[in-house]
Amino acid sequence: MRRGGPTLGVREWSKIGRPQQNTDRAVAQRPGERRGADRRHGRALSAPQLEAVMSMPHVSDGTLPAHVEEQRTRVAIHNDAPRSTSTVEAAGAYFASGVDNSFSIERFRRDLKIEVQSLDEEEIVFDIIGIDAAIANAFRRILLSDVPTMAIDKVRPHRRACGTGARAADSRAPRVVLPCYIPPGCARQVFVLNNTSMTEDEVLAHRLGLIPIKADPRLFRERVGEEDHDEHNVIAFRLDVKCERAQGFSGGARGSASGRSAGGKSGGAGGADEMINSRVLSGSLVWVEQGGQEERFRDSPIRPVHDDILIAKLRPGQHIKLEAWCEKGTGKTHAKWSPVATASYRLLPEVTFKQKVTGDVARELVAKCPMGVFDIEDVGGVVTAVAARPRSCSMCRECIREPQWDERVKLARVRDHFIFSVESTGVMPPEVLFSEATKARRPPTAACAPAEPTIQFTHPWSRPALRRVVMLAPCSSTESHEAPVGVRSRPSRDACSAGRC
């Protein structure tokens, strides 16, 4: 559906967005007029016209006709497909009805609401009311990739002394065992001192990196470049596990169940037919305090979040000994730094009845729904179906799939009401994760913006969703970003698709 007026190209938008230039192509400003933008023809609005536009009632005041307001605020779910899925962003979309649809940060702050539905140590479920999908998705992506955590980094075999000495002349010589510290300039964060298990060093490194570490990343700083390691940018762990046969072991069938005990660091039950330390678990990682870390973390010692994460399996005589170092990072570098297991959102379901559903039809409706949304109540002595749990609705449309049922039940989703679910890996409480996401250094869309963009989006109808995200989390960085190579008069197609324009 066209929203009025011809479609303007990049050149026309650039002229509207640069009112300072007064070329022969630009529209001249007449005396006594304030510069404004007419969407249809690019004409300047007079002062009375601009004042009339600014005095229009806003759509949030409920001044639109009922059917138009429903299309604006609801996503209709029909038995064949959802409808009215696009958000109306244009400021002048409802000018014909005398209603303004422009965005203002004051109105946004007034209408924004956050309601916590459930909270425990690992998961938080809350409602965000008054935003659109662009901002909700920005929060989700920031939670996944821009909230820093601590994780084990760069596990490499220690076949040289810190990577700086020469390899021993005899390749069969044992690996050098170093004390638990890293000399300045050494870039390796984990030293595999001994690994005679069936698990390769690279696989062992990957498994160690994915173990969540219970440490507040806000108390550490990120190591930049060749900066030296110290107590403020690194956490040290030591792992030393060797599998042995329990005393009194008399052998037995190879691979039998008697040799498959789940002994951890403590060695399991210690029976006659068992092995000690046959399973290397995350609880075997021992924190090695550096500098003043013992005093700083006296109340909350650093440790793995879970002690029962399997790292490797050993057999008698096999030995794993290593030193691991954690650094601060973000999920956009590697998934091991992502602080959330899942971060998702969905629109609030809305289930209403177009007509009363009673008797056997009501019982049939209750039996149709696999999510248990409907229930039976006695209303005036009549068995009537009611929507008892509308938040549980998954919009499977089983209740309106058959003919005539869409005339009884109406399904919709509220467009600006999002149900957020954030499940933490345990490194930080879930409510703290969302709070840190709102303090992101810069939004994802502004991180790759050039310092001097060739086209400035200053027109009131241009990219409003992007402008809302930037207003919500303004960039506080002083870093400069060079313009993409090859971009001169206008951004390339690739630059536009990547958001760099």
Protein backbone atom coordinates (compact mmCIF):
# COMPACT_ATOMS: atom_id res chain seq x y z
CA MET A 1 0.00 0.00 0.00
CA ARG A 2 1.41 3.37 -1.00
CA ARG A 3 1.70 5.94 1.76
CA GLY A 4 1.38 8.97 -0.44
CA GLY A 5 3.69 10.69 -2.90
CA PRO A 6 6.36 9.37 -5.25
CA THR A 7 9.35 7.45 -3.92
CA LEU A 8 12.43 9.66 -3.53
CA GLY A 9 15.86 8.40 -4.55
CA VAL A 10 19.17 8.78 -2.75
CA ARG A 11 19.97 12.06 -4.53
CA GLU A 12 16.65 13.64 -3.55
CA TRP A 13 16.99 12.52 0.08
CA SER A 14 20.51 13.94 0.23
CA LYS A 15 19.24 17.34 -0.96
CA ILE A 16 16.52 17.34 1.70
CA GLY A 17 19.01 16.34 4.38
CA ARG A 18 21.44 19.21 3.52
CA PRO A 19 19.46 22.43 4.00
CA GLN A 20 22.68 24.46 4.28
CA GLN A 21 23.40 24.16 0.55
CA ASN A 22 21.50 26.57 -1.70
CA THR A 23 22.15 25.33 -5.24
CA ASP A 24 20.06 25.88 -8.33
CA ARG A 25 18.50 22.43 -7.78
CA ALA A 26 17.58 23.06 -4.14
CA VAL A 27 14.28 24.59 -3.16
CA ALA A 28 14.76 28.24 -2.20
CA GLN A 29 13.48 29.41 1.16
CA ARG A 30 10.97 32.23 0.93
CA PRO A 31 11.12 35.14 3.40
CA GLY A 32 9.14 34.64 6.60
CA GLU A 33 9.16 30.83 6.36
CA ARG A 34 10.80 28.30 8.63
CA ARG A 35 12.53 25.53 6.83
CA GLY A 36 10.49 22.30 6.90
CA ALA A 37 10.13 19.28 4.66
CA ASP A 38 7.10 18.38 2.58
CA ARG A 39 7.20 14.65 1.97
CA ARG A 40 5.48 14.73 -1.39
CA HIS A 41 7.32 17.45 -3.27
CA GLY A 42 10.15 18.61 -0.97
CA ARG A 43 8.55 22.07 -0.54
CA ALA A 44 9.29 24.19 2.52
CA LEU A 45 6.44 24.61 5.00
CA SER A 46 5.36 28.06 6.10
CA ALA A 47 5.40 29.02 9.76
CA PRO A 48 1.58 28.63 10.20
CA GLN A 49 1.66 25.26 8.44
CA LEU A 50 4.52 24.03 10.59
CA GLU A 51 2.78 25.25 13.74
CA ALA A 52 -0.40 23.43 12.70
CA VAL A 53 1.56 20.22 12.23
CA MET A 54 3.23 20.56 15.63
CA SER A 55 -0.14 21.16 17.33
CA MET A 56 -1.72 17.97 15.97
CA PRO A 57 -2.72 15.32 18.52
CA HIS A 58 -0.40 12.32 18.69
CA VAL A 59 -1.39 8.77 17.79
CA SER A 60 -0.60 7.63 21.33
CA ASP A 61 -3.49 9.79 22.59
CA GLY A 62 -6.00 7.39 20.98
CA THR A 63 -7.47 9.83 18.46
CA LEU A 64 -7.45 7.48 15.46
CA PRO A 65 -10.55 5.58 14.34
CA ALA A 66 -10.93 2.22 16.06
CA HIS A 67 -10.15 0.06 13.02
CA VAL A 68 -7.07 2.14 12.13
CA GLU A 69 -5.85 2.08 15.74
CA GLU A 70 -6.17 -1.71 15.77
CA GLN A 71 -4.09 -2.03 12.61
CA ARG A 72 -1.46 0.26 14.13
CA THR A 73 -1.16 -1.46 17.52
CA ARG A 74 -1.98 -5.11 16.77
CA VAL A 75 -0.66 -7.92 14.57
CA ALA A 76 -3.74 -9.82 13.43
CA ILE A 77 -3.46 -13.64 13.40
CA HIS A 78 -5.75 -15.33 10.88
CA ASN A 79 -6.14 -19.01 10.13
CA ASP A 80 -4.00 -18.71 6.99
CA ALA A 81 -1.30 -16.16 7.98
CA PRO A 82 -0.60 -13.15 10.20
CA ARG A 83 -1.53 -9.73 8.84
CA SER A 84 -0.67 -6.08 9.57
CA THR A 85 2.87 -7.11 10.45
CA SER A 86 4.64 -3.87 9.40
CA THR A 87 5.20 -1.06 11.87
CA VAL A 88 4.09 2.41 10.68
CA GLU A 89 7.15 4.62 11.20
CA ALA A 90 6.47 7.62 8.96
CA ALA A 91 5.73 10.80 10.91
CA GLY A 92 3.11 11.94 8.38
CA ALA A 93 1.38 8.59 7.89
CA TYR A 94 -1.82 9.86 9.56
CA PHE A 95 -1.75 13.52 8.52
CA ALA A 96 -4.93 12.94 6.50
CA SER A 97 -6.70 12.11 9.80
CA GLY A 98 -5.15 15.13 11.51
CA VAL A 99 -2.91 12.99 13.74
CA ASP A 100 0.86 13.20 14.22
CA ASN A 101 3.01 10.03 14.28
CA SER A 102 6.40 11.64 14.93
CA PHE A 103 8.84 10.35 17.53
CA SER A 104 9.91 12.32 20.60
CA ILE A 105 12.23 11.19 23.36
CA GLU A 106 10.00 12.76 26.04
CA ARG A 107 6.98 10.72 24.95
CA PHE A 108 9.15 7.62 24.66
CA ARG A 109 10.32 7.99 28.27
CA ARG A 110 6.77 8.57 29.44
CA ASP A 111 5.33 5.47 27.76
CA LEU A 112 8.23 3.07 28.43
CA LYS A 113 7.43 0.49 31.12
CA ILE A 114 9.31 -2.57 32.40
CA GLU A 115 7.45 -5.15 34.48
CA VAL A 116 9.29 -8.16 35.94
CA GLN A 117 7.20 -11.35 35.76
CA SER A 118 9.63 -13.88 37.28
CA LEU A 119 13.19 -13.87 38.57
CA ASP A 120 15.53 -16.52 39.90
CA GLU A 121 19.27 -17.10 40.00
CA GLU A 122 19.53 -18.07 36.33
CA GLU A 123 16.55 -16.60 34.42
CA ILE A 124 14.49 -13.44 34.33
CA VAL A 125 11.23 -12.93 32.44
CA PHE A 126 9.99 -9.37 32.09
CA ASP A 127 7.75 -7.24 29.89
CA ILE A 128 8.94 -4.17 27.98
CA ILE A 129 6.06 -1.92 26.93
CA GLY A 130 6.33 1.04 24.59
CA ILE A 131 9.13 0.04 22.20
CA ASP A 132 9.26 -1.40 18.69
CA ALA A 133 11.03 -4.44 17.30
CA ALA A 134 14.17 -2.50 16.36
CA ILE A 135 14.94 -1.58 19.99
CA ALA A 136 13.94 -5.01 21.32
CA ASN A 137 16.25 -6.72 18.85
CA ALA A 138 19.04 -4.27 19.74
CA PHE A 139 18.77 -5.33 23.40
CA ARG A 140 18.84 -9.00 22.39
CA ARG A 141 21.95 -8.59 20.25
CA ILE A 142 23.74 -6.52 22.90
CA LEU A 143 23.06 -9.25 25.47
CA LEU A 144 24.52 -11.87 23.15
CA SER A 145 27.62 -10.07 21.95
CA ASP A 146 28.39 -6.80 23.75
CA VAL A 147 28.23 -7.54 27.50
CA PRO A 148 31.77 -8.51 28.63
CA THR A 149 32.62 -11.56 30.76
CA MET A 150 35.71 -13.52 31.82
CA ALA A 151 36.65 -16.74 30.00
CA ILE A 152 39.70 -18.97 29.51
CA ASP A 153 41.51 -17.89 26.37
CA LYS A 154 44.07 -19.38 23.94
CA VAL A 155 44.99 -22.82 25.19
CA ARG A 156 48.19 -23.93 23.43
CA PRO A 157 50.66 -26.79 24.00
CA HIS A 158 53.59 -25.73 26.18
CA ARG A 159 56.48 -27.24 24.23
CA ARG A 160 58.69 -24.20 24.69
CA ALA A 161 59.56 -22.07 27.67
CA CYS A 162 56.77 -19.46 27.39
CA GLY A 163 57.09 -19.61 23.63
CA THR A 164 60.33 -17.61 23.76
CA GLY A 165 62.98 -20.30 24.10
CA ALA A 166 64.20 -22.81 21.53
CA ARG A 167 62.75 -26.32 21.27
CA ALA A 168 64.70 -28.92 23.15
CA ALA A 169 67.15 -30.89 21.09
CA ASP A 170 65.48 -34.14 22.09
CA SER A 171 61.83 -34.01 21.04
CA ARG A 172 61.07 -36.76 23.56
CA ALA A 173 62.19 -34.56 26.44
CA PRO A 174 59.47 -33.76 28.99
CA ARG A 175 57.72 -30.43 28.75
CA VAL A 176 59.11 -27.67 30.93
CA VAL A 177 57.07 -27.01 34.08
CA LEU A 178 56.92 -23.32 34.99
CA PRO A 179 55.62 -21.60 38.11
CA CYS A 180 52.10 -20.13 37.84
CA TYR A 181 52.90 -16.71 36.48
CA ILE A 182 53.24 -15.14 33.02
CA PRO A 183 56.30 -13.08 32.16
CA PRO A 184 55.73 -9.71 30.44
CA GLY A 185 55.25 -10.03 26.70
CA CYS A 186 54.08 -13.66 26.78
CA ALA A 187 50.90 -13.99 24.73
CA ARG A 188 49.87 -17.52 25.69
CA GLN A 189 47.16 -17.69 28.33
CA VAL A 190 47.13 -21.49 28.98
CA PHE A 191 50.09 -23.82 29.27
CA VAL A 192 49.48 -27.55 28.81
CA LEU A 193 52.27 -28.89 30.96
CA ASN A 194 51.30 -32.54 30.57
CA ASN A 195 48.48 -34.25 28.67
CA THR A 196 48.67 -38.02 28.19
CA SER A 197 44.91 -38.49 27.82
CA MET A 198 43.10 -39.38 24.62
CA THR A 199 41.81 -35.79 24.38
CA GLU A 200 43.90 -33.62 22.08
CA ASP A 201 45.24 -30.31 23.33
CA GLU A 202 43.04 -28.36 20.91
CA VAL A 203 39.86 -30.17 22.02
CA LEU A 204 40.86 -29.72 25.64
CA ALA A 205 41.40 -26.02 25.01
CA HIS A 206 37.97 -25.64 23.45
CA ARG A 207 36.23 -27.39 26.34
CA LEU A 208 38.06 -25.28 28.91
CA GLY A 209 37.12 -22.04 27.14
CA LEU A 210 33.40 -22.87 27.27
CA ILE A 211 33.36 -23.33 31.05
CA PRO A 212 31.57 -20.27 32.57
CA ILE A 213 33.63 -18.55 35.25
CA LYS A 214 31.96 -16.97 38.28
CA ALA A 215 33.78 -13.63 38.32
CA ASP A 216 32.43 -10.10 38.09
CA PRO A 217 33.90 -8.68 34.85
CA ARG A 218 33.21 -5.13 36.03
CA LEU A 219 36.13 -5.52 38.46
CA PHE A 220 38.58 -6.28 35.63
CA ARG A 221 39.76 -4.38 32.58
CA GLU A 222 40.27 -5.71 29.09
CA ARG A 223 43.87 -6.34 28.10
CA VAL A 224 44.73 -4.34 24.98
CA GLY A 225 47.42 -5.32 22.49
CA GLU A 226 50.70 -6.30 24.15
CA GLU A 227 49.76 -4.98 27.55
CA ASP A 228 51.36 -6.93 30.39
CA HIS A 229 49.29 -9.34 32.46
CA ASP A 230 48.49 -8.28 36.01
CA GLU A 231 45.92 -8.91 38.73
CA HIS A 232 43.48 -6.43 37.13
CA ASN A 233 43.20 -8.06 33.68
CA VAL A 234 43.75 -11.80 34.23
CA ILE A 235 42.53 -14.71 36.39
CA ALA A 236 44.70 -17.81 36.86
CA PHE A 237 43.55 -21.42 37.27
CA ARG A 238 45.54 -24.61 37.75
CA LEU A 239 44.36 -28.10 36.74
CA ASP A 240 46.29 -31.18 37.92
CA VAL A 241 44.47 -34.53 37.73
CA LYS A 242 45.97 -38.02 37.43
CA CYS A 243 43.97 -41.23 37.15
CA GLU A 244 45.00 -44.19 39.30
CA ARG A 245 43.60 -47.56 40.21
CA ALA A 246 42.05 -47.86 43.63
CA GLN A 247 43.83 -49.97 46.20
CA GLY A 248 42.83 -53.59 46.04
CA PHE A 249 41.94 -53.50 42.33
CA SER A 250 42.26 -57.05 40.99
CA GLY A 251 41.70 -56.44 37.30
CA GLY A 252 38.64 -57.62 35.41
CA ALA A 253 37.19 -57.59 31.93
CA ARG A 254 38.41 -54.73 29.81
CA GLY A 255 35.76 -52.09 29.30
CA SER A 256 33.49 -53.64 31.91
CA ALA A 257 31.16 -51.54 34.00
CA SER A 258 33.47 -51.99 36.98
CA GLY A 259 36.00 -49.68 35.38
CA ARG A 260 33.58 -46.91 34.51
CA SER A 261 33.21 -45.22 37.81
CA ALA A 262 32.37 -41.53 37.96
CA GLY A 263 35.25 -40.61 40.20
CA GLY A 264 35.98 -36.90 40.23
CA LYS A 265 38.75 -35.05 41.99
CA SER A 266 37.92 -36.80 45.22
CA GLY A 267 37.95 -40.24 43.57
CA GLY A 268 34.36 -41.40 43.85
CA ALA A 269 33.22 -44.16 46.24
CA GLY A 270 36.64 -45.82 46.41
CA GLY A 271 35.52 -49.44 45.94
CA ALA A 272 37.89 -52.30 45.15
CA ASP A 273 37.03 -52.33 41.44
CA GLU A 274 37.05 -48.55 40.85
CA MET A 275 39.41 -45.97 39.39
CA ILE A 276 40.29 -42.70 41.04
CA ASN A 277 39.89 -39.48 39.00
CA SER A 278 38.60 -41.24 35.89
CA ARG A 279 36.53 -38.14 35.09
CA VAL A 280 38.07 -34.66 34.99
CA LEU A 281 35.39 -32.17 36.03
CA SER A 282 35.31 -28.38 36.14
CA GLY A 283 35.46 -28.56 39.92
CA SER A 284 39.09 -29.66 39.57
CA LEU A 285 40.07 -26.14 38.40
CA VAL A 286 41.81 -24.41 41.30
CA TRP A 287 41.90 -20.61 41.41
CA VAL A 288 45.43 -19.20 41.92
CA GLU A 289 45.28 -15.75 43.49
CA GLN A 290 47.40 -13.05 41.86
CA GLY A 291 48.52 -9.93 43.72
CA GLY A 292 45.69 -8.55 45.83
CA GLN A 293 42.95 -10.73 44.32
CA GLU A 294 42.58 -12.79 47.49
CA GLU A 295 41.64 -9.69 49.46
CA ARG A 296 39.43 -8.23 46.70
CA PHE A 297 37.40 -11.42 46.25
CA ARG A 298 37.38 -12.63 49.84
CA ASP A 299 33.56 -12.56 50.02
CA SER A 300 33.00 -14.14 46.58
CA PRO A 301 35.92 -16.40 45.57
CA ILE A 302 36.41 -16.90 41.83
CA ARG A 303 35.40 -20.36 40.62
CA PRO A 304 33.64 -22.17 37.77
CA VAL A 305 29.88 -21.66 37.85
CA HIS A 306 29.25 -25.43 37.87
CA ASP A 307 31.54 -28.06 39.38
CA ASP A 308 30.18 -31.01 37.38
CA ILE A 309 31.05 -30.02 33.79
CA LEU A 310 32.96 -32.88 32.16
CA ILE A 311 36.34 -31.83 30.70
CA ALA A 312 37.91 -35.20 29.83
CA LYS A 313 37.96 -38.91 30.74
CA LEU A 314 41.10 -40.64 31.94
CA ARG A 315 42.35 -44.18 32.39
CA PRO A 316 44.93 -45.39 34.92
CA GLY A 317 48.29 -43.74 34.34
CA GLN A 318 46.95 -40.82 32.27
CA HIS A 319 47.62 -37.31 33.53
CA ILE A 320 46.46 -33.77 32.70
CA LYS A 321 48.34 -30.81 34.11
CA LEU A 322 47.91 -27.26 32.85
CA GLU A 323 47.72 -23.63 33.84
CA ALA A 324 44.84 -21.56 32.44
CA TRP A 325 44.38 -17.81 32.29
CA CYS A 326 41.09 -15.96 31.90
CA GLU A 327 40.75 -12.64 30.12
CA LYS A 328 37.92 -10.18 29.63
CA GLY A 329 36.13 -10.21 26.28
CA THR A 330 32.76 -10.01 24.51
CA GLY A 331 30.64 -12.48 22.61
CA LYS A 332 31.28 -10.82 19.26
CA THR A 333 34.87 -12.09 19.53
CA HIS A 334 33.94 -15.65 20.56
CA ALA A 335 30.81 -17.32 21.93
CA LYS A 336 32.63 -18.37 25.12
CA TRP A 337 32.41 -14.74 26.28
CA SER A 338 28.65 -14.57 25.76
CA PRO A 339 27.01 -14.14 29.21
CA VAL A 340 23.62 -15.61 28.25
CA ALA A 341 22.54 -19.10 27.33
CA THR A 342 19.44 -17.71 25.60
CA ALA A 343 18.04 -14.23 25.11
CA SER A 344 14.72 -14.10 23.29
CA TYR A 345 11.55 -12.05 23.04
CA ARG A 346 8.04 -12.44 21.68
CA LEU A 347 5.02 -10.20 21.30
CA LEU A 348 2.32 -10.39 23.95
CA PRO A 349 -0.52 -12.69 22.77
CA GLU A 350 -4.07 -11.36 22.92
CA VAL A 351 -6.98 -13.82 22.86
CA THR A 352 -10.54 -12.48 22.72
CA PHE A 353 -13.97 -13.79 21.74
CA LYS A 354 -16.07 -12.34 18.94
CA GLN A 355 -19.09 -14.10 20.40
CA LYS A 356 -19.85 -16.20 23.46
CA VAL A 357 -18.73 -19.82 23.27
CA THR A 358 -20.90 -22.01 25.48
CA GLY A 359 -21.97 -25.60 26.03
CA ASP A 360 -20.39 -28.42 24.06
CA VAL A 361 -18.67 -25.92 21.74
CA ALA A 362 -16.84 -24.48 24.77
CA ARG A 363 -15.65 -27.94 25.83
CA GLU A 364 -14.47 -28.61 22.27
CA LEU A 365 -12.51 -25.36 22.28
CA VAL A 366 -10.77 -26.28 25.55
CA ALA A 367 -9.81 -29.66 24.07
CA LYS A 368 -8.44 -28.05 20.90
CA CYS A 369 -5.79 -25.85 22.57
CA PRO A 370 -2.51 -27.74 23.26
CA MET A 371 -1.19 -24.91 25.50
CA GLY A 372 -4.13 -24.85 27.93
CA VAL A 373 -5.08 -21.25 27.20
CA PHE A 374 -8.85 -21.73 27.57
CA ASP A 375 -10.84 -22.82 30.57
CA ILE A 376 -14.47 -23.44 31.50
CA GLU A 377 -16.38 -21.16 33.87
CA ASP A 378 -19.98 -21.10 35.05
CA VAL A 379 -21.36 -17.73 33.98
CA GLY A 380 -24.97 -17.30 35.06
CA GLY A 381 -25.50 -21.04 35.13
CA VAL A 382 -24.17 -21.47 31.58
CA VAL A 383 -20.93 -23.30 30.76
CA THR A 384 -18.79 -20.65 29.04
CA ALA A 385 -15.26 -20.72 27.62
CA VAL A 386 -12.83 -18.03 28.82
CA ALA A 387 -9.21 -17.17 27.97
CA ALA A 388 -7.68 -17.99 31.37
CA ARG A 389 -3.98 -18.02 30.34
CA PRO A 390 -3.50 -15.87 27.22
CA ARG A 391 0.28 -15.42 27.84
CA SER A 392 0.74 -19.15 27.25
CA CYS A 393 -0.63 -18.93 23.71
CA SER A 394 1.94 -19.88 21.06
CA MET A 395 -0.28 -18.78 18.16
CA CYS A 396 -0.47 -22.30 16.75
CA ARG A 397 -3.96 -21.33 15.44
CA GLU A 398 -5.48 -24.72 16.25
CA CYS A 399 -8.48 -22.93 17.76
CA ILE A 400 -9.28 -21.08 14.49
CA ARG A 401 -8.00 -23.54 11.88
CA GLU A 402 -11.32 -25.22 11.15
CA PRO A 403 -14.15 -23.36 9.36
CA GLN A 404 -16.37 -21.02 11.40
CA TRP A 405 -14.00 -20.99 14.38
CA ASP A 406 -12.40 -17.72 13.25
CA GLU A 407 -15.86 -16.16 13.69
CA ARG A 408 -15.80 -17.08 17.40
CA VAL A 409 -12.18 -16.59 18.50
CA LYS A 410 -9.90 -13.68 17.66
CA LEU A 411 -6.11 -13.93 17.95
CA ALA A 412 -3.67 -11.01 17.87
CA ARG A 413 -0.33 -9.82 19.22
CA VAL A 414 0.28 -6.42 20.83
CA ARG A 415 2.84 -4.68 18.63
CA ASP A 416 4.68 -2.65 21.30
CA HIS A 417 4.51 -5.18 24.17
CA PHE A 418 7.46 -7.59 24.29
CA ILE A 419 7.93 -10.55 26.63
CA PHE A 420 11.69 -10.87 27.21
CA SER A 421 13.36 -14.01 28.52
CA VAL A 422 17.04 -13.85 29.54
CA GLU A 423 18.78 -16.99 30.82
CA SER A 424 22.22 -16.35 32.28
CA THR A 425 25.11 -18.82 32.10
CA GLY A 426 25.68 -18.05 35.77
CA VAL A 427 28.57 -15.60 35.43
CA MET A 428 26.31 -12.74 36.55
CA PRO A 429 22.72 -12.48 37.81
CA PRO A 430 20.22 -12.10 34.94
CA GLU A 431 18.90 -8.76 36.18
CA VAL A 432 22.45 -7.39 36.18
CA LEU A 433 22.96 -8.58 32.59
CA PHE A 434 20.06 -6.53 31.28
CA SER A 435 21.20 -3.51 33.27
CA GLU A 436 24.67 -3.83 31.70
CA ALA A 437 23.10 -4.18 28.24
CA THR A 438 21.49 -0.76 28.61
CA LYS A 439 24.94 0.69 29.38
CA ALA A 440 26.53 -0.58 26.20
CA ARG A 441 29.37 1.60 24.93
CA ARG A 442 27.64 2.14 21.60
CA PRO A 443 24.72 0.57 19.76
CA PRO A 444 25.59 -2.01 17.07
CA THR A 445 24.37 0.31 14.31
CA ALA A 446 26.68 3.16 15.34
CA ALA A 447 29.79 1.04 15.85
CA CYS A 448 30.62 1.00 12.13
CA ALA A 449 29.38 4.50 11.22
CA PRO A 450 31.95 6.63 9.34
CA ALA A 451 33.23 9.79 10.98
CA GLU A 452 32.07 11.94 8.07
CA PRO A 453 29.06 10.27 6.43
CA THR A 454 28.40 11.26 2.85
CA ILE A 455 24.61 11.38 3.47
CA GLN A 456 23.18 12.75 6.72
CA PHE A 457 19.79 11.32 7.67
CA THR A 458 18.23 14.42 9.21
CA HIS A 459 14.86 14.25 7.49
CA PRO A 460 12.04 13.51 10.01
CA TRP A 461 10.87 10.50 7.99
CA SER A 462 14.29 8.91 7.43
CA ARG A 463 15.19 5.75 9.33
CA PRO A 464 13.23 6.54 12.53
CA ALA A 465 13.90 3.13 14.09
CA LEU A 466 17.66 3.66 13.81
CA ARG A 467 17.32 7.13 15.30
CA ARG A 468 15.42 5.72 18.29
CA VAL A 469 18.18 3.21 19.05
CA VAL A 470 20.84 5.93 18.89
CA MET A 471 18.78 8.16 21.20
CA LEU A 472 18.32 5.30 23.66
CA ALA A 473 22.06 4.47 23.88
CA PRO A 474 24.12 7.39 22.55
CA CYS A 475 27.69 6.72 21.55
CA SER A 476 30.18 7.88 24.17
CA SER A 477 33.29 6.81 22.33
CA THR A 478 35.81 9.32 21.03
CA GLU A 479 37.26 6.91 18.50
CA SER A 480 37.24 7.91 14.85
CA HIS A 481 35.98 5.65 12.10
CA GLU A 482 37.28 6.01 8.59
CA ALA A 483 34.84 6.00 5.72
CA PRO A 484 34.62 2.74 3.76
CA VAL A 485 37.02 2.42 0.87
CA GLY A 486 35.40 3.33 -2.44
CA VAL A 487 32.64 5.48 -0.92
CA ARG A 488 32.79 8.99 -2.30
CA SER A 489 29.61 10.74 -3.44
CA ARG A 490 27.18 8.15 -2.08
CA PRO A 491 27.47 4.92 -0.07
CA SER A 492 27.71 1.67 -1.99
CA ARG A 493 25.02 -1.01 -1.91
CA ASP A 494 27.15 -3.14 0.42
CA ALA A 495 27.65 -0.22 2.79
CA CYS A 496 23.90 0.42 2.95
CA SER A 497 23.10 -3.22 3.63
CA ALA A 498 25.70 -3.35 6.42
CA GLY A 499 24.27 -0.24 8.10
CA ARG A 500 27.39 1.87 7.61
CA CYS A 501 25.43 4.64 5.91
